[in-house]
Every structure is written in C-alpha cells, then in structure tokens.
Amino acid sequence: MDGVVLTPLKKIPTGKGDVMHAMKATDSGFCGFGEVYFTQIYPHQVKGWKRHKKMVLNLVVVSGEIRFHIYNEQTGERQTIDLSAENNYQRLTLQPMLWMAFEGLGQQTALLMDLIPEPHDPSEAETRDLSWQKLS
C-alpha cells in the first residue's frame, strides 16, 4: 500500500540481553524528531481508529506482538501487518492520512514505540470508533 513501509531492524545479541535498533537520523523514513512515546496494548484489546493529518509515524514493537490494521479511505485499500519484538522485528512507517487500528496478540501486554517528527498535537489527528470499519 502506498504510504506504508516496513524496515527490517537489527537485533544485536549480547549474552545479557539484546540491543535493538529502532531508527537513526540517516534512515529512510526519518523526517525529524519531535517526540518519542510508548503505548501499551493488552492482549486481545484494540486501539483505533486514528489517522494523522500531516504527521509521519515510525512505529516499533519493542515487547510482545501487535497486529496493525491500516485503511486508506481514498482508495478503499486495506493492509494487515503483524509485528513482534521477537519474531518479526521491523519498523512500520506510516504516511499521513492513513487510518490505523492495532491490537495486542499473544498472552502478554505489548509495548509500542512511536517516533514522531514534532511534539504531539491532539488537533492534528482524527479518531473514529472501532465500529466505523471492520478489522480485516
């Protein structure tokens, strides 16, 4: 889907716990730094729908497993992506105007990191109730 990029990320085993890369200023998808925040998602819970009007999201699952549901309202196209800190460690970059919902998979609380190019501004995003669109 246009506006969606998956970037494989490095995990460096150290014997005492992995070092997990997320993003460098030289990486494609990096569009500045404004804020990094973390959000939890409990198993079998769903957060969404939300879209940003101008902000690019750079999402990394740092613990657990999360399923992302992406919807392009202009084209009607849908995409589902499962990411995991253990088995599918990648960065998901989403361009503005794409709707997203995400759900916790597995049996543990998952932790999601988002690197955004400017400090969070609630007026820059739109939300809709989960009933607005079926999850794929």
N, C-alpha and C. Protein backbone atom coordinates (compact mmCIF):
# COMPACT_ATOMS: atom_id res chain seq x y z
N MET A 1 0.86 -1.17 0.00
CA MET A 1 0.00 0.00 0.00
C MET A 1 0.90 1.23 0.00
N ASP A 2 0.58 2.22 -0.81
CA ASP A 2 1.32 3.47 -0.80
C ASP A 2 1.26 4.08 0.59
N GLY A 3 2.39 4.60 1.04
CA GLY A 3 2.45 5.26 2.34
C GLY A 3 2.77 4.34 3.49
N VAL A 4 2.99 3.06 3.21
CA VAL A 4 3.32 2.08 4.24
C VAL A 4 4.68 1.47 3.89
N VAL A 5 5.64 1.54 4.82
CA VAL A 5 6.97 0.99 4.59
C VAL A 5 7.37 0.16 5.81
N LEU A 6 7.84 -1.07 5.56
CA LEU A 6 8.39 -1.92 6.61
C LEU A 6 9.91 -1.95 6.44
N THR A 7 10.63 -1.70 7.53
CA THR A 7 12.08 -1.69 7.51
C THR A 7 12.60 -2.71 8.51
N PRO A 8 13.30 -3.76 8.05
CA PRO A 8 13.90 -4.71 9.00
C PRO A 8 14.88 -3.98 9.92
N LEU A 9 14.89 -4.37 11.18
CA LEU A 9 15.75 -3.72 12.18
C LEU A 9 16.75 -4.71 12.75
N LYS A 10 17.89 -4.19 13.19
CA LYS A 10 18.95 -5.02 13.76
C LYS A 10 18.66 -5.34 15.22
N LYS A 11 18.94 -6.58 15.57
CA LYS A 11 18.99 -7.02 16.96
C LYS A 11 20.39 -7.57 17.18
N ILE A 12 21.08 -7.05 18.16
CA ILE A 12 22.45 -7.47 18.43
C ILE A 12 22.46 -8.25 19.75
N PRO A 13 22.69 -9.57 19.66
CA PRO A 13 22.74 -10.35 20.90
C PRO A 13 24.00 -10.02 21.70
N THR A 14 23.85 -9.86 23.00
CA THR A 14 24.99 -9.53 23.85
C THR A 14 25.26 -10.60 24.90
N GLY A 15 24.39 -11.59 25.00
CA GLY A 15 24.55 -12.60 26.03
C GLY A 15 23.87 -12.23 27.34
N LYS A 16 23.60 -10.94 27.51
CA LYS A 16 22.92 -10.47 28.73
C LYS A 16 21.60 -9.79 28.39
N GLY A 17 21.26 -9.76 27.12
CA GLY A 17 20.06 -9.08 26.63
C GLY A 17 20.38 -8.38 25.33
N ASP A 18 19.49 -8.47 24.36
CA ASP A 18 19.73 -7.90 23.03
C ASP A 18 19.72 -6.38 23.03
N VAL A 19 20.52 -5.79 22.14
CA VAL A 19 20.42 -4.39 21.78
C VAL A 19 19.54 -4.34 20.55
N MET A 20 18.49 -3.53 20.59
CA MET A 20 17.51 -3.49 19.50
C MET A 20 17.49 -2.09 18.89
N HIS A 21 17.95 -1.99 17.65
CA HIS A 21 17.94 -0.70 16.96
C HIS A 21 16.50 -0.32 16.61
N ALA A 22 16.23 0.97 16.56
CA ALA A 22 14.91 1.47 16.17
C ALA A 22 15.02 2.43 14.98
N MET A 23 15.86 3.49 15.09
CA MET A 23 15.98 4.44 14.00
C MET A 23 17.20 5.32 14.20
N LYS A 24 17.83 5.65 13.05
CA LYS A 24 18.93 6.62 13.03
C LYS A 24 18.49 7.79 12.15
N ALA A 25 19.10 8.92 12.34
CA ALA A 25 18.78 10.10 11.53
C ALA A 25 19.06 9.87 10.05
N THR A 26 19.90 8.89 9.73
CA THR A 26 20.24 8.61 8.33
C THR A 26 19.30 7.59 7.69
N ASP A 27 18.36 7.03 8.44
CA ASP A 27 17.43 6.02 7.92
C ASP A 27 16.34 6.66 7.06
N SER A 28 15.92 5.93 6.02
CA SER A 28 14.76 6.39 5.26
C SER A 28 13.56 6.34 6.20
N GLY A 29 12.65 7.25 6.06
CA GLY A 29 11.51 7.35 6.96
C GLY A 29 11.73 8.36 8.07
N PHE A 30 12.99 8.68 8.37
CA PHE A 30 13.26 9.68 9.40
C PHE A 30 12.92 11.05 8.83
N CYS A 31 12.07 11.76 9.50
CA CYS A 31 11.67 13.09 8.99
C CYS A 31 11.74 14.13 10.09
N GLY A 32 12.66 13.94 11.02
CA GLY A 32 12.84 14.89 12.10
C GLY A 32 12.47 14.28 13.43
N PHE A 33 12.81 14.98 14.49
CA PHE A 33 12.50 14.49 15.82
C PHE A 33 11.68 15.52 16.57
N GLY A 34 10.56 15.09 17.08
CA GLY A 34 9.75 15.95 17.92
C GLY A 34 9.47 15.28 19.25
N GLU A 35 9.23 13.95 19.19
CA GLU A 35 8.86 13.24 20.41
C GLU A 35 8.94 11.73 20.16
N VAL A 36 9.30 11.00 21.19
CA VAL A 36 9.18 9.55 21.20
C VAL A 36 8.25 9.22 22.36
N TYR A 37 7.26 8.39 22.10
CA TYR A 37 6.41 7.95 23.19
C TYR A 37 6.15 6.46 23.07
N PHE A 38 5.71 5.87 24.16
CA PHE A 38 5.42 4.45 24.23
C PHE A 38 3.96 4.29 24.63
N THR A 39 3.32 3.28 24.07
CA THR A 39 1.96 2.95 24.48
C THR A 39 1.86 1.44 24.65
N GLN A 40 1.09 1.03 25.66
CA GLN A 40 0.86 -0.39 25.90
C GLN A 40 -0.44 -0.81 25.25
N ILE A 41 -0.51 -2.07 24.88
CA ILE A 41 -1.76 -2.66 24.41
C ILE A 41 -1.87 -4.03 25.07
N TYR A 42 -2.97 -4.25 25.77
CA TYR A 42 -3.19 -5.51 26.46
C TYR A 42 -3.59 -6.60 25.48
N PRO A 43 -3.36 -7.87 25.85
CA PRO A 43 -3.75 -8.97 24.96
C PRO A 43 -5.23 -8.90 24.58
N HIS A 44 -5.51 -9.07 23.31
CA HIS A 44 -6.87 -9.15 22.77
C HIS A 44 -7.64 -7.83 22.88
N GLN A 45 -6.94 -6.72 23.11
CA GLN A 45 -7.56 -5.40 23.12
C GLN A 45 -7.20 -4.69 21.81
N VAL A 46 -8.04 -3.72 21.43
CA VAL A 46 -7.83 -2.99 20.18
C VAL A 46 -7.89 -1.49 20.47
N LYS A 47 -6.95 -0.75 19.88
CA LYS A 47 -6.97 0.72 19.93
C LYS A 47 -7.13 1.22 18.50
N GLY A 48 -7.96 2.19 18.30
CA GLY A 48 -8.15 2.76 16.96
C GLY A 48 -9.60 3.18 16.80
N TRP A 49 -9.92 3.63 15.71
CA TRP A 49 -9.23 4.08 14.52
C TRP A 49 -8.69 5.48 14.72
N LYS A 50 -7.50 5.73 14.13
CA LYS A 50 -6.89 7.05 14.24
C LYS A 50 -6.11 7.32 12.97
N ARG A 51 -6.10 8.59 12.55
CA ARG A 51 -5.22 8.99 11.45
C ARG A 51 -4.68 10.38 11.75
N HIS A 52 -3.48 10.60 11.25
CA HIS A 52 -2.82 11.90 11.40
C HIS A 52 -2.93 12.65 10.10
N LYS A 53 -3.18 13.95 10.21
CA LYS A 53 -3.37 14.78 9.02
C LYS A 53 -2.06 15.13 8.33
N LYS A 54 -0.97 15.30 9.12
CA LYS A 54 0.30 15.68 8.50
C LYS A 54 1.50 14.95 9.08
N MET A 55 1.33 14.19 10.13
CA MET A 55 2.44 13.57 10.82
C MET A 55 2.76 12.17 10.29
N VAL A 56 4.05 11.91 10.09
CA VAL A 56 4.55 10.57 9.73
C VAL A 56 4.81 9.81 11.02
N LEU A 57 4.35 8.56 11.09
CA LEU A 57 4.57 7.71 12.26
C LEU A 57 5.68 6.72 11.96
N ASN A 58 6.54 6.48 12.93
CA ASN A 58 7.56 5.44 12.86
C ASN A 58 7.36 4.55 14.07
N LEU A 59 6.74 3.39 13.85
CA LEU A 59 6.28 2.50 14.92
C LEU A 59 7.17 1.28 15.04
N VAL A 60 7.55 0.95 16.28
CA VAL A 60 8.38 -0.22 16.56
C VAL A 60 7.78 -0.95 17.76
N VAL A 61 7.50 -2.24 17.59
CA VAL A 61 7.04 -3.07 18.70
C VAL A 61 8.28 -3.50 19.47
N VAL A 62 8.41 -3.01 20.71
CA VAL A 62 9.61 -3.29 21.49
C VAL A 62 9.41 -4.45 22.46
N SER A 63 8.16 -4.86 22.66
CA SER A 63 7.88 -6.01 23.52
C SER A 63 6.52 -6.58 23.12
N GLY A 64 6.44 -7.90 23.02
CA GLY A 64 5.18 -8.54 22.68
C GLY A 64 4.93 -8.57 21.19
N GLU A 65 3.63 -8.70 20.83
CA GLU A 65 3.24 -8.81 19.43
C GLU A 65 1.99 -7.99 19.18
N ILE A 66 1.97 -7.26 18.06
CA ILE A 66 0.86 -6.36 17.73
C ILE A 66 0.47 -6.57 16.28
N ARG A 67 -0.84 -6.57 16.02
CA ARG A 67 -1.38 -6.59 14.66
C ARG A 67 -1.87 -5.18 14.33
N PHE A 68 -1.37 -4.65 13.21
CA PHE A 68 -1.76 -3.33 12.73
C PHE A 68 -2.76 -3.49 11.60
N HIS A 69 -3.84 -2.73 11.65
CA HIS A 69 -4.84 -2.68 10.59
C HIS A 69 -4.76 -1.28 9.98
N ILE A 70 -4.49 -1.22 8.69
CA ILE A 70 -4.31 0.06 8.01
C ILE A 70 -5.36 0.17 6.92
N TYR A 71 -5.96 1.35 6.83
CA TYR A 71 -7.03 1.57 5.86
C TYR A 71 -6.81 2.91 5.17
N ASN A 72 -6.82 2.87 3.83
CA ASN A 72 -6.73 4.08 3.02
C ASN A 72 -8.14 4.44 2.57
N GLU A 73 -8.69 5.46 3.16
CA GLU A 73 -10.07 5.86 2.86
C GLU A 73 -10.24 6.33 1.42
N GLN A 74 -9.19 6.88 0.81
CA GLN A 74 -9.27 7.37 -0.56
C GLN A 74 -9.41 6.24 -1.58
N THR A 75 -8.69 5.13 -1.34
CA THR A 75 -8.68 4.03 -2.31
C THR A 75 -9.50 2.81 -1.87
N GLY A 76 -9.84 2.75 -0.58
CA GLY A 76 -10.53 1.59 -0.04
C GLY A 76 -9.59 0.42 0.25
N GLU A 77 -8.31 0.62 0.04
CA GLU A 77 -7.31 -0.44 0.25
C GLU A 77 -7.08 -0.67 1.74
N ARG A 78 -6.89 -1.96 2.09
CA ARG A 78 -6.62 -2.38 3.47
C ARG A 78 -5.34 -3.18 3.51
N GLN A 79 -4.66 -3.12 4.66
CA GLN A 79 -3.48 -3.93 4.86
C GLN A 79 -3.40 -4.30 6.34
N THR A 80 -3.00 -5.54 6.60
CA THR A 80 -2.80 -6.02 7.96
C THR A 80 -1.35 -6.45 8.10
N ILE A 81 -0.70 -6.00 9.18
CA ILE A 81 0.71 -6.31 9.40
C ILE A 81 0.87 -6.75 10.85
N ASP A 82 1.49 -7.92 11.06
CA ASP A 82 1.82 -8.40 12.39
C ASP A 82 3.31 -8.16 12.65
N LEU A 83 3.61 -7.46 13.75
CA LEU A 83 4.99 -7.21 14.14
C LEU A 83 5.21 -7.72 15.55
N SER A 84 6.43 -8.14 15.81
CA SER A 84 6.78 -8.72 17.10
C SER A 84 8.21 -8.34 17.44
N ALA A 85 8.47 -8.10 18.71
CA ALA A 85 9.84 -7.83 19.14
C ALA A 85 10.71 -9.06 18.98
N GLU A 86 10.12 -10.25 19.03
CA GLU A 86 10.89 -11.49 18.96
C GLU A 86 11.00 -12.05 17.55
N ASN A 87 9.88 -12.14 16.82
CA ASN A 87 9.86 -12.90 15.57
C ASN A 87 9.77 -12.08 14.29
N ASN A 88 9.38 -10.83 14.37
CA ASN A 88 9.26 -10.00 13.17
C ASN A 88 9.57 -8.56 13.57
N TYR A 89 10.84 -8.33 13.88
CA TYR A 89 11.27 -7.04 14.40
C TYR A 89 11.57 -6.09 13.24
N GLN A 90 10.62 -5.19 12.98
CA GLN A 90 10.72 -4.22 11.90
C GLN A 90 10.13 -2.90 12.36
N ARG A 91 10.47 -1.84 11.64
CA ARG A 91 9.86 -0.53 11.88
C ARG A 91 8.77 -0.33 10.83
N LEU A 92 7.61 0.09 11.26
CA LEU A 92 6.49 0.40 10.37
C LEU A 92 6.39 1.92 10.25
N THR A 93 6.57 2.42 9.03
CA THR A 93 6.45 3.86 8.77
C THR A 93 5.14 4.09 8.03
N LEU A 94 4.31 4.96 8.60
CA LEU A 94 3.01 5.30 8.00
C LEU A 94 2.97 6.77 7.65
N GLN A 95 2.63 7.04 6.41
CA GLN A 95 2.46 8.42 5.95
C GLN A 95 1.12 8.98 6.46
N PRO A 96 0.98 10.30 6.45
CA PRO A 96 -0.28 10.91 6.90
C PRO A 96 -1.49 10.43 6.09
N MET A 97 -2.65 10.57 6.68
CA MET A 97 -3.96 10.32 6.09
C MET A 97 -4.31 8.85 5.95
N LEU A 98 -3.55 7.96 6.55
CA LEU A 98 -3.90 6.55 6.59
C LEU A 98 -4.50 6.24 7.96
N TRP A 99 -5.65 5.59 7.97
CA TRP A 99 -6.28 5.18 9.22
C TRP A 99 -5.57 3.96 9.77
N MET A 100 -5.42 3.91 11.10
CA MET A 100 -4.77 2.77 11.72
C MET A 100 -5.50 2.38 13.00
N ALA A 101 -5.61 1.06 13.19
CA ALA A 101 -6.02 0.48 14.46
C ALA A 101 -5.00 -0.61 14.77
N PHE A 102 -4.82 -0.93 16.04
CA PHE A 102 -3.89 -2.02 16.36
C PHE A 102 -4.40 -2.81 17.55
N GLU A 103 -4.01 -4.10 17.56
CA GLU A 103 -4.49 -5.00 18.61
C GLU A 103 -3.35 -5.83 19.18
N GLY A 104 -3.47 -6.10 20.47
CA GLY A 104 -2.48 -6.93 21.14
C GLY A 104 -2.72 -8.39 20.84
N LEU A 105 -1.67 -9.08 20.43
CA LEU A 105 -1.74 -10.51 20.16
C LEU A 105 -1.00 -11.24 21.28
N GLY A 106 -1.20 -12.54 21.35
CA GLY A 106 -0.48 -13.34 22.34
C GLY A 106 -1.07 -13.19 23.73
N GLN A 107 -0.25 -13.52 24.73
CA GLN A 107 -0.72 -13.55 26.12
C GLN A 107 -0.11 -12.48 27.01
N GLN A 108 0.75 -11.64 26.45
CA GLN A 108 1.38 -10.61 27.28
C GLN A 108 1.05 -9.22 26.77
N THR A 109 1.14 -8.25 27.67
CA THR A 109 0.99 -6.86 27.28
C THR A 109 2.11 -6.49 26.32
N ALA A 110 1.76 -5.85 25.21
CA ALA A 110 2.76 -5.44 24.22
C ALA A 110 3.08 -3.96 24.42
N LEU A 111 4.28 -3.58 24.01
CA LEU A 111 4.72 -2.20 24.14
C LEU A 111 5.13 -1.69 22.77
N LEU A 112 4.55 -0.56 22.38
CA LEU A 112 4.77 0.05 21.07
C LEU A 112 5.47 1.39 21.26
N MET A 113 6.52 1.63 20.47
CA MET A 113 7.21 2.91 20.47
C MET A 113 6.86 3.65 19.18
N ASP A 114 6.62 4.95 19.30
CA ASP A 114 6.36 5.79 18.13
C ASP A 114 7.30 6.99 18.17
N LEU A 115 8.06 7.17 17.08
CA LEU A 115 8.93 8.33 16.92
C LEU A 115 8.24 9.26 15.93
N ILE A 116 7.90 10.45 16.40
CA ILE A 116 7.17 11.40 15.55
C ILE A 116 8.00 12.67 15.33
N PRO A 117 7.78 13.36 14.20
CA PRO A 117 8.64 14.48 13.83
C PRO A 117 8.38 15.78 14.58
N GLU A 118 7.32 15.84 15.34
CA GLU A 118 7.02 17.06 16.10
C GLU A 118 6.31 16.66 17.38
N PRO A 119 6.30 17.51 18.40
CA PRO A 119 5.59 17.16 19.63
C PRO A 119 4.11 16.87 19.35
N HIS A 120 3.55 15.96 20.11
CA HIS A 120 2.16 15.54 19.93
C HIS A 120 1.22 16.75 19.99
N ASP A 121 0.30 16.80 19.06
CA ASP A 121 -0.72 17.86 18.98
C ASP A 121 -2.05 17.18 18.73
N PRO A 122 -2.93 17.10 19.74
CA PRO A 122 -4.20 16.40 19.57
C PRO A 122 -5.06 16.91 18.41
N SER A 123 -4.92 18.18 18.04
CA SER A 123 -5.75 18.73 16.96
C SER A 123 -5.26 18.25 15.58
N GLU A 124 -4.08 17.63 15.53
CA GLU A 124 -3.50 17.18 14.26
C GLU A 124 -4.04 15.81 13.85
N ALA A 125 -4.72 15.12 14.75
CA ALA A 125 -5.19 13.75 14.46
C ALA A 125 -6.72 13.68 14.53
N GLU A 126 -7.25 12.66 13.86
CA GLU A 126 -8.68 12.36 13.91
C GLU A 126 -8.85 10.96 14.47
N THR A 127 -9.93 10.74 15.19
CA THR A 127 -10.23 9.40 15.68
C THR A 127 -11.66 9.03 15.31
N ARG A 128 -11.88 7.74 15.20
CA ARG A 128 -13.22 7.19 14.98
C ARG A 128 -13.37 5.95 15.83
N ASP A 129 -14.60 5.65 16.18
CA ASP A 129 -14.92 4.47 16.97
C ASP A 129 -14.54 3.21 16.21
N LEU A 130 -14.21 2.16 16.93
CA LEU A 130 -13.84 0.89 16.29
C LEU A 130 -14.92 0.33 15.39
N SER A 131 -16.16 0.62 15.68
CA SER A 131 -17.25 0.10 14.86
C SER A 131 -17.31 0.74 13.47
N TRP A 132 -16.55 1.82 13.25
CA TRP A 132 -16.56 2.52 11.97
C TRP A 132 -16.12 1.61 10.83
N GLN A 133 -15.08 0.81 11.01
CA GLN A 133 -14.60 -0.12 9.99
C GLN A 133 -14.35 -1.47 10.64
N LYS A 134 -14.67 -2.54 9.92
CA LYS A 134 -14.36 -3.87 10.40
C LYS A 134 -12.84 -4.06 10.34
N LEU A 135 -12.31 -4.79 11.32
CA LEU A 135 -10.92 -5.18 11.24
C LEU A 135 -10.83 -6.33 10.27
N SER A 136 -9.79 -6.38 9.46
CA SER A 136 -9.71 -7.40 8.39
C SER A 136 -9.76 -8.81 8.87
